[in-house]
Amino acid sequence: MNYNEQYKKKLITLSEALQKVESNMDIVAGLAAMEPMDFMARIHEVKDRVEDVRIYTCLNMGDYEFFRNPEMAGHFTNAAWFYTPPIRKAHEFGTTNFVPNHLHKSATDRISTTAPRMFVGTATPMDKHGYFNLSLSATYEKLLLETADIVILEIDPNYPRTFGDTNVHISDVDFVYETARPIPLFPYAPSTEKDKMIGNYIAELVEDGSTIQLGIGGIPNAVAGALMNKKDLGVHTELFNDGMIDLIEAGVITNSRKTLHRGISVATMALGSEKLYDFIDQNPGVAIMNGNYVNDPYVIGQNYKQVSINTTLEIDLTGQCCSESLGSKQFSGTGGQADTAIGAQRSVGGKSIIALYSTAVDKATGNPISKIVPTLKPGAAVSLSRNDVEYVVTEYGVARLRGKTIKERVNDLCAIAHPDFREELRKEAKKLMLW
């Protein structure tokens, strides 16, 4: 079969791709660096002929006209699994809305509600066997691509080819258009002294031979740096990042003692620097696999000594974690926090760790406030229930909450709060009868 002939028949312009958009259509876009940025940057051009188009995204990399312009309300809604700064700004316009879910169920929940009419994502050029490659994410892309009525791929030669669940055959694609834009980069966040203190506490909890899950940002980067003296770590993670490359190159991550996919670092997405993209290109030691598999707590729990490391915005004295909202105002998303935290606790020798600074700055007053609080703010989303929290780490130490009473939790969390707030927290706990 002549795949090049098939490709030519399916090759259209971006303007022609935009003409496929219709009113009342549900469109799913690729995640983060795999979102079709050219398509997203121009979809507002069809505004005058469409109404009620819902575009499902996760971790948007761009600030697009279709949701940042108040005039787009009623024509487009960015239904987001994860809010980024541009989406937070646009929320008041009525052009964005949040989709609550656990990351491993993002595809299946969408399908069970309404299967998408259209999938639009980014992919590498087709190989000689007729396969495109979804490159940096298989979080939900493959499953939703398979159920969409119309599949359009933005073909970009700058993306790496990866192993795992990332190959898509031309027979499963309806249209392609070509671009050559750069891959979005996620700047490496330097670690502060607080980050390093937290990273060192967490590193003490990670045993040789553990399988790790890390996020992205200052604290996770500090954790990676603090793990340099460990041996034979493995990777089963939602996100593959730059810190993991440093550990692989240092011989710390070998994946030799993993239960699942021994010898391979498993993730559902990758995001980071040019170094990261070069590292995973054609690298059989890294597999980007379906999110409904990688992030399934049952699957995670099969790994030996799985350690999940996540961050939170606020935690109350009973252990409830709000990791995605500021009161009722959506800030980010649930992501895979509950997936990995619960999965790690199902693992033999596994550990679930939540990290946070002890304080933040109140933007209204400029004064420090405690991030360990008597009760969560009104309207706050509970991203991780108190039943699923094990270790909590701040720059002041480690509290292990698993199996403990509320009274014991209050004592342990107050002990790792900022010293300026400990007495006040204990007074509030007594007033609320948290014993």
Protein backbone atom coordinates (compact mmCIF):
# COMPACT_ATOMS: atom_id res chain seq x y z
CA MET A 1 0.00 0.00 0.00
CA ASN A 2 1.30 3.44 -0.95
CA TYR A 3 1.16 5.44 2.28
CA ASN A 4 2.54 8.55 0.61
CA GLU A 5 -0.44 8.62 -1.73
CA GLN A 6 -2.79 8.34 1.25
CA TYR A 7 -0.93 11.20 2.90
CA LYS A 8 -1.31 13.43 -0.15
CA LYS A 9 -5.06 12.77 -0.25
CA LYS A 10 -5.43 13.74 3.42
CA LEU A 11 -3.13 16.76 3.30
CA ILE A 12 -5.03 20.04 3.66
CA THR A 13 -4.22 23.60 4.67
CA LEU A 14 -4.78 24.96 8.16
CA SER A 15 -7.57 27.17 6.79
CA GLU A 16 -9.28 24.07 5.40
CA ALA A 17 -8.87 22.32 8.76
CA LEU A 18 -10.62 25.21 10.50
CA GLN A 19 -13.55 24.86 8.11
CA LYS A 20 -14.23 21.41 9.63
CA VAL A 21 -15.31 23.11 12.89
CA GLU A 22 -19.09 23.25 13.36
CA SER A 23 -21.51 24.59 15.96
CA ASN A 24 -22.22 22.42 19.03
CA MET A 25 -19.03 20.46 18.42
CA ASP A 26 -16.86 18.93 21.15
CA ILE A 27 -13.20 19.15 20.16
CA VAL A 28 -10.36 17.55 22.15
CA ALA A 29 -6.88 19.03 21.74
CA GLY A 30 -3.58 17.36 22.60
CA LEU A 31 -2.07 17.95 26.04
CA ALA A 32 0.54 20.60 26.91
CA ALA A 33 3.34 20.66 24.32
CA MET A 34 1.26 18.41 22.07
CA GLU A 35 -1.60 20.86 21.66
CA PRO A 36 -2.07 21.95 18.03
CA MET A 37 -0.85 25.48 18.57
CA ASP A 38 -1.39 26.72 15.02
CA PHE A 39 -4.98 25.47 15.05
CA MET A 40 -5.68 26.92 18.50
CA ALA A 41 -4.17 30.27 17.53
CA ARG A 42 -6.58 30.67 14.62
CA ILE A 43 -9.78 28.89 15.60
CA HIS A 44 -11.31 32.23 16.67
CA GLU A 45 -11.42 33.13 12.97
CA VAL A 46 -14.56 30.96 12.53
CA LYS A 47 -16.38 32.70 15.41
CA ASP A 48 -19.07 34.35 13.28
CA ARG A 49 -20.38 31.07 11.89
CA VAL A 50 -20.29 28.84 14.99
CA GLU A 51 -21.90 28.68 18.44
CA ASP A 52 -21.28 26.54 21.51
CA VAL A 53 -18.02 24.93 20.44
CA ARG A 54 -16.32 23.24 23.40
CA ILE A 55 -12.57 22.75 23.16
CA TYR A 56 -11.19 20.36 25.77
CA THR A 57 -7.59 21.06 26.77
CA CYS A 58 -5.10 20.18 29.48
CA LEU A 59 -2.18 22.34 30.59
CA ASN A 60 -2.51 24.92 27.82
CA MET A 61 0.82 26.25 26.61
CA GLY A 62 -0.61 29.23 24.72
CA ASP A 63 -2.76 32.28 25.45
CA TYR A 64 -5.34 32.01 22.70
CA GLU A 65 -7.83 34.51 21.33
CA PHE A 66 -10.73 32.03 21.45
CA PHE A 67 -10.82 32.21 25.25
CA ARG A 68 -8.98 35.41 26.20
CA ASN A 69 -11.39 37.66 24.25
CA PRO A 70 -14.72 38.24 26.07
CA GLU A 71 -16.45 38.48 22.70
CA MET A 72 -15.88 34.75 22.22
CA ALA A 73 -18.39 33.87 24.98
CA GLY A 74 -21.20 31.82 23.51
CA HIS A 75 -19.09 30.83 20.53
CA PHE A 76 -16.26 28.94 22.26
CA THR A 77 -15.64 27.43 25.69
CA ASN A 78 -12.22 26.21 26.74
CA ALA A 79 -13.19 23.19 28.86
CA ALA A 80 -9.93 22.69 30.74
CA TRP A 81 -8.74 19.69 32.72
CA PHE A 82 -6.01 21.90 34.16
CA TYR A 83 -5.91 25.70 34.49
CA THR A 84 -2.81 27.64 33.46
CA PRO A 85 -2.29 31.39 34.07
CA PRO A 86 -3.97 32.53 30.82
CA ILE A 87 -7.06 30.43 31.57
CA ARG A 88 -7.26 31.77 35.12
CA LYS A 89 -7.31 35.31 33.73
CA ALA A 90 -10.03 34.46 31.20
CA HIS A 91 -12.33 32.62 33.59
CA GLU A 92 -14.33 35.73 34.43
CA PHE A 93 -15.25 36.16 30.75
CA GLY A 94 -17.31 32.96 30.67
CA THR A 95 -15.06 31.53 27.98
CA THR A 96 -13.43 28.89 30.18
CA ASN A 97 -14.69 26.19 32.49
CA PHE A 98 -13.02 23.51 34.59
CA VAL A 99 -13.46 19.76 34.16
CA PRO A 100 -12.95 17.91 37.49
CA ASN A 101 -11.50 14.44 37.15
CA HIS A 102 -8.70 12.08 38.08
CA LEU A 103 -6.16 12.15 35.30
CA HIS A 104 -6.25 8.41 34.62
CA LYS A 105 -9.96 8.72 33.89
CA SER A 106 -9.83 11.84 31.71
CA ALA A 107 -10.34 9.94 28.45
CA THR A 108 -12.81 7.35 29.69
CA ASP A 109 -14.92 9.91 31.57
CA ARG A 110 -15.09 12.07 28.45
CA ILE A 111 -16.12 9.11 26.30
CA SER A 112 -18.77 7.97 28.77
CA THR A 113 -20.32 11.46 28.77
CA THR A 114 -19.97 12.58 25.15
CA ALA A 115 -17.41 11.20 22.74
CA PRO A 116 -15.59 14.05 20.96
CA ARG A 117 -16.68 14.94 17.44
CA MET A 118 -13.14 16.03 16.62
CA PHE A 119 -9.63 15.36 17.87
CA VAL A 120 -6.82 17.76 16.92
CA GLY A 121 -3.27 17.14 18.05
CA THR A 122 0.38 17.44 17.07
CA ALA A 123 2.41 14.58 15.66
CA THR A 124 5.74 13.85 13.99
CA PRO A 125 5.93 13.28 10.23
CA MET A 126 4.80 9.88 8.96
CA ASP A 127 7.42 7.13 8.76
CA LYS A 128 7.81 4.67 5.90
CA HIS A 129 5.36 2.28 7.53
CA GLY A 130 2.56 4.85 7.59
CA TYR A 131 2.83 5.79 11.28
CA PHE A 132 2.78 9.22 12.88
CA ASN A 133 4.03 9.61 16.44
CA LEU A 134 2.25 11.50 19.25
CA SER A 135 5.65 12.19 20.78
CA LEU A 136 5.33 13.83 24.22
CA SER A 137 1.93 12.66 25.47
CA ALA A 138 -0.35 9.65 25.46
CA THR A 139 -2.26 10.86 28.52
CA TYR A 140 -5.65 10.77 26.80
CA GLU A 141 -4.79 11.41 23.15
CA LYS A 142 -4.80 7.85 21.80
CA LEU A 143 -8.10 6.82 23.38
CA LEU A 144 -9.95 9.98 22.37
CA LEU A 145 -8.45 9.94 18.89
CA GLU A 146 -9.85 6.46 18.43
CA THR A 147 -13.39 7.56 19.32
CA ALA A 148 -13.53 10.92 17.53
CA ASP A 149 -15.51 11.29 14.29
CA ILE A 150 -12.86 13.55 12.75
CA VAL A 151 -9.12 13.26 13.45
CA ILE A 152 -6.81 16.09 12.36
CA LEU A 153 -3.07 16.11 13.05
CA GLU A 154 -0.72 19.09 12.96
CA ILE A 155 2.49 17.61 11.54
CA ASP A 156 5.71 19.08 12.89
CA PRO A 157 9.21 17.70 12.13
CA ASN A 158 10.68 19.32 15.26
CA TYR A 159 9.10 16.82 17.67
CA PRO A 160 10.91 13.71 18.95
CA ARG A 161 9.68 10.21 18.17
CA THR A 162 9.03 8.20 21.32
CA PHE A 163 8.27 4.62 22.25
CA GLY A 164 5.10 3.43 23.99
CA ASP A 165 1.49 4.11 23.04
CA THR A 166 2.35 6.99 20.75
CA ASN A 167 2.09 5.57 17.22
CA VAL A 168 -0.94 6.42 15.07
CA HIS A 169 -1.44 4.92 11.62
CA ILE A 170 -2.48 7.07 8.70
CA SER A 171 -5.57 4.88 8.25
CA ASP A 172 -6.85 6.25 11.60
CA VAL A 173 -6.35 9.90 10.57
CA ASP A 174 -8.77 11.92 8.44
CA PHE A 175 -6.75 15.06 7.70
CA VAL A 176 -3.25 16.45 8.19
CA TYR A 177 -1.71 19.86 7.75
CA GLU A 178 1.92 20.82 8.08
CA THR A 179 3.84 23.26 10.23
CA ALA A 180 7.41 23.70 11.49
CA ARG A 181 7.03 25.69 14.70
CA PRO A 182 9.37 25.13 17.67
CA ILE A 183 8.38 22.78 20.49
CA PRO A 184 7.13 24.65 23.58
CA LEU A 185 9.71 24.54 26.34
CA PHE A 186 9.04 24.46 30.06
CA PRO A 187 11.80 26.43 31.80
CA TYR A 188 13.74 24.61 34.50
CA ALA A 189 12.72 26.04 37.88
CA PRO A 190 15.77 26.70 40.08
CA SER A 191 15.45 25.38 43.63
CA THR A 192 15.34 27.80 46.55
CA GLU A 193 16.83 27.07 49.95
CA LYS A 194 13.35 26.06 51.15
CA ASP A 195 13.03 23.69 48.19
CA LYS A 196 16.37 22.11 49.05
CA MET A 197 15.40 21.65 52.71
CA ILE A 198 12.17 19.94 51.68
CA GLY A 199 14.03 17.92 49.05
CA ASN A 200 16.47 16.61 51.64
CA TYR A 201 13.66 15.53 53.98
CA ILE A 202 11.95 13.71 51.14
CA ALA A 203 15.17 12.05 49.98
CA GLU A 204 15.52 10.51 53.45
CA LEU A 205 12.20 8.73 52.87
CA VAL A 206 13.23 7.30 49.50
CA GLU A 207 14.97 3.94 49.82
CA ASP A 208 17.34 2.34 47.32
CA GLY A 209 15.40 0.36 44.73
CA SER A 210 12.32 2.58 44.95
CA THR A 211 10.24 3.54 41.91
CA ILE A 212 9.57 7.28 41.89
CA GLN A 213 6.93 9.69 40.63
CA LEU A 214 7.92 13.35 40.46
CA GLY A 215 6.14 16.47 39.31
CA ILE A 216 7.59 19.65 37.88
CA GLY A 217 8.85 22.80 39.61
CA GLY A 218 11.27 23.93 42.30
CA ILE A 219 10.46 21.29 44.94
CA PRO A 220 10.52 18.28 42.56
CA ASN A 221 13.79 19.57 41.06
CA ALA A 222 15.24 19.83 44.56
CA VAL A 223 14.11 16.27 45.31
CA ALA A 224 15.86 15.02 42.17
CA GLY A 225 19.04 16.77 43.26
CA ALA A 226 18.83 15.25 46.73
CA LEU A 227 18.48 11.71 45.34
CA MET A 228 21.94 11.64 43.78
CA ASN A 229 23.31 9.28 46.42
CA LYS A 230 20.58 6.66 45.93
CA LYS A 231 20.93 3.39 44.05
CA ASP A 232 18.83 1.57 41.47
CA LEU A 233 15.81 3.86 41.41
CA GLY A 234 13.09 3.32 38.86
CA VAL A 235 10.60 5.63 37.16
CA HIS A 236 6.84 5.16 36.89
CA THR A 237 5.53 8.70 36.72
CA GLU A 238 2.84 10.89 35.26
CA LEU A 239 5.43 13.37 33.97
CA PHE A 240 8.93 12.67 32.70
CA ASN A 241 11.11 15.73 33.38
CA ASP A 242 14.66 17.09 33.25
CA GLY A 243 15.50 16.05 36.79
CA MET A 244 15.04 12.41 35.87
CA ILE A 245 17.55 12.72 33.03
CA ASP A 246 20.16 13.96 35.49
CA LEU A 247 19.51 10.92 37.68
CA ILE A 248 19.71 8.54 34.72
CA GLU A 249 22.97 10.03 33.52
CA ALA A 250 24.38 9.79 37.05
CA GLY A 251 23.50 6.07 37.20
CA VAL A 252 20.99 6.59 40.02
CA ILE A 253 17.97 5.62 37.93
CA THR A 254 18.56 2.18 36.42
CA ASN A 255 15.00 0.79 36.46
CA SER A 256 16.65 -2.55 37.29
CA ARG A 257 14.50 -3.32 40.33
CA LYS A 258 11.10 -2.29 39.00
CA THR A 259 8.22 -4.73 39.07
CA LEU A 260 6.60 -3.43 35.88
CA HIS A 261 8.51 -2.60 32.68
CA ARG A 262 11.90 -3.39 34.13
CA GLY A 263 14.65 -1.41 32.47
CA ILE A 264 12.30 1.29 31.17
CA SER A 265 11.25 4.69 32.54
CA VAL A 266 7.48 4.85 32.15
CA ALA A 267 5.50 8.10 31.90
CA THR A 268 2.30 9.36 30.36
CA MET A 269 3.75 12.69 29.22
CA ALA A 270 7.02 14.61 28.97
CA LEU A 271 7.64 18.32 29.28
CA GLY A 272 10.80 20.32 29.75
CA SER A 273 13.91 21.56 27.96
CA GLU A 274 15.53 20.87 24.61
CA LYS A 275 17.84 18.49 26.48
CA LEU A 276 14.83 16.43 27.54
CA TYR A 277 13.39 16.29 24.03
CA ASP A 278 16.75 15.24 22.60
CA PHE A 279 17.12 12.58 25.30
CA ILE A 280 13.79 10.86 24.67
CA ASP A 281 14.02 11.00 20.87
CA GLN A 282 14.19 7.40 19.60
CA ASN A 283 15.14 6.28 23.15
CA PRO A 284 13.81 2.78 23.93
CA GLY A 285 14.62 3.36 27.59
CA VAL A 286 11.66 5.74 27.92
CA ALA A 287 8.06 4.77 27.20
CA ILE A 288 5.20 7.29 26.90
CA MET A 289 2.13 5.17 27.65
CA ASN A 290 -1.63 5.63 27.93
CA GLY A 291 -2.65 7.65 30.98
CA ASN A 292 -5.49 5.29 31.86
CA TYR A 293 -2.79 2.66 32.40
CA VAL A 294 0.16 4.62 33.80
CA ASN A 295 -1.91 6.55 36.33
CA ASP A 296 -4.30 3.78 37.32
CA PRO A 297 -3.80 3.35 41.10
CA TYR A 298 -4.13 -0.43 40.65
CA VAL A 299 -1.24 -0.43 38.17
CA ILE A 300 0.89 1.98 40.22
CA GLY A 301 0.39 -0.22 43.27
CA GLN A 302 2.04 -3.16 41.51
CA ASN A 303 5.40 -1.41 41.52
CA TYR A 304 7.81 -2.28 44.31
CA LYS A 305 8.42 0.60 46.74
CA GLN A 306 6.53 3.12 44.63
CA VAL A 307 7.07 6.63 45.98
CA SER A 308 4.66 9.37 44.94
CA ILE A 309 5.82 12.95 45.50
CA ASN A 310 3.25 15.72 45.00
CA THR A 311 2.76 19.31 46.15
CA THR A 312 -0.28 21.08 47.56
CA LEU A 313 -1.46 24.65 48.03
CA GLU A 314 -2.98 24.20 51.48
CA ILE A 315 -3.61 21.45 54.02
CA ASP A 316 -5.92 21.53 57.03
CA LEU A 317 -5.19 20.08 60.45
CA THR A 318 -7.12 16.90 59.69
CA GLY A 319 -5.04 16.22 56.56
CA GLN A 320 -7.33 17.43 53.76
CA CYS A 321 -5.27 18.75 50.83
CA CYS A 322 -6.41 21.52 48.53
CA SER A 323 -4.00 21.39 45.61
CA GLU A 324 -5.96 23.10 42.84
CA SER A 325 -8.02 26.06 44.06
CA LEU A 326 -7.77 29.21 46.14
CA GLY A 327 -11.04 28.98 47.98
CA SER A 328 -13.65 28.54 45.24
CA LYS A 329 -11.39 30.06 42.56
CA GLN A 330 -9.91 27.39 40.31
CA PHE A 331 -6.12 27.69 40.18
CA SER A 332 -4.77 24.56 38.48
CA GLY A 333 -6.24 21.05 38.41
CA THR A 334 -6.53 17.75 40.21
CA GLY A 335 -4.27 16.05 37.69
CA GLY A 336 -2.96 12.72 38.87
CA GLN A 337 -2.39 13.59 42.52
CA ALA A 338 -4.96 11.19 43.90
CA ASP A 339 -4.02 8.56 41.30
CA THR A 340 -0.39 8.43 42.35
CA ALA A 341 -0.90 9.01 46.07
CA ILE A 342 -3.41 6.19 46.40
CA GLY A 343 -1.44 3.95 44.06
CA ALA A 344 1.77 4.38 46.04
CA GLN A 345 0.05 3.33 49.25
CA ARG A 346 -1.10 0.12 47.56
CA SER A 347 2.52 -0.66 46.73
CA VAL A 348 4.62 -3.04 48.82
CA GLY A 349 6.96 -0.70 50.69
CA GLY A 350 5.44 2.30 48.90
CA LYS A 351 5.11 5.83 50.25
CA SER A 352 2.92 8.80 49.40
CA ILE A 353 4.40 12.24 50.09
CA ILE A 354 2.78 15.68 49.98
CA ALA A 355 5.15 18.66 50.07
CA LEU A 356 4.49 22.35 50.65
CA TYR A 357 6.07 25.48 52.04
CA SER A 358 4.93 26.24 55.57
CA THR A 359 3.89 29.78 54.57
CA ALA A 360 2.77 31.90 51.65
CA VAL A 361 2.39 35.65 51.20
CA ASP A 362 -1.09 37.15 51.44
CA LYS A 363 -1.34 39.24 48.25
CA ALA A 364 -3.86 41.59 49.86
CA THR A 365 -1.69 42.51 52.86
CA GLY A 366 1.81 41.39 51.94
CA ASN A 367 1.99 39.47 55.23
CA PRO A 368 2.93 35.81 55.60
CA ILE A 369 0.13 33.32 56.15
CA SER A 370 0.28 29.67 57.16
CA LYS A 371 -0.36 27.04 54.50
CA ILE A 372 -1.21 24.61 57.27
CA VAL A 373 -4.63 25.81 58.36
CA PRO A 374 -7.33 24.84 60.88
CA THR A 375 -9.89 24.46 58.07
CA LEU A 376 -9.67 24.91 54.32
CA LYS A 377 -10.97 28.13 52.81
CA PRO A 378 -14.71 28.19 51.98
CA GLY A 379 -15.26 26.59 48.61
CA ALA A 380 -11.82 24.98 48.49
CA ALA A 381 -11.57 21.79 46.44
CA VAL A 382 -10.35 18.75 48.36
CA SER A 383 -7.89 17.29 45.86
CA LEU A 384 -6.69 14.55 48.20
CA SER A 385 -8.89 13.38 51.04
CA ARG A 386 -7.50 13.07 54.54
CA ASN A 387 -8.00 9.31 54.23
CA ASP A 388 -5.39 9.20 51.46
CA VAL A 389 -2.62 11.37 52.94
CA GLU A 390 0.45 9.65 54.37
CA TYR A 391 3.56 11.84 54.67
CA VAL A 392 3.46 15.65 54.73
CA VAL A 393 6.74 17.56 54.38
CA THR A 394 7.59 21.24 54.89
CA GLU A 395 10.93 22.95 55.40
CA TYR A 396 10.41 22.24 59.13
CA GLY A 397 10.20 18.48 58.92
CA VAL A 398 8.06 15.44 58.20
CA ALA A 399 4.65 14.43 59.59
CA ARG A 400 3.33 10.91 59.00
CA LEU A 401 -0.47 10.98 59.21
CA ARG A 402 -1.43 7.54 58.03
CA GLY A 403 -3.42 5.62 60.65
CA LYS A 404 -3.37 8.46 63.16
CA THR A 405 -6.21 10.15 65.04
CA ILE A 406 -7.20 13.74 64.34
CA LYS A 407 -5.60 14.79 67.62
CA GLU A 408 -2.32 13.14 66.63
CA ARG A 409 -2.51 14.75 63.20
CA VAL A 410 -3.02 18.18 64.74
CA ASN A 411 0.07 17.73 66.91
CA ASP A 412 2.21 16.44 64.04
CA LEU A 413 1.13 19.10 61.54
CA CYS A 414 1.59 21.91 64.05
CA ALA A 415 5.12 20.64 64.62
CA ILE A 416 6.04 21.19 60.96
CA ALA A 417 4.16 24.49 60.58
CA HIS A 418 6.08 27.76 60.67
CA PRO A 419 6.97 28.53 64.33
CA ASP A 420 5.13 31.86 64.16
CA PHE A 421 1.82 30.07 63.59
CA ARG A 422 2.05 26.98 65.77
CA GLU A 423 0.45 28.41 68.89
CA GLU A 424 -2.38 29.98 66.91
CA LEU A 425 -3.03 26.68 65.10
CA ARG A 426 -3.19 24.78 68.38
CA LYS A 427 -5.65 27.34 69.80
CA GLU A 428 -7.87 27.03 66.74
CA ALA A 429 -7.72 23.26 66.91
CA LYS A 430 -8.92 23.37 70.51
CA LYS A 431 -11.70 25.80 69.60
CA LEU A 432 -12.85 23.46 66.81
CA MET A 433 -12.57 20.46 69.16
CA LEU A 434 -10.22 18.61 66.83
CA TRP A 435 -9.48 15.81 69.23
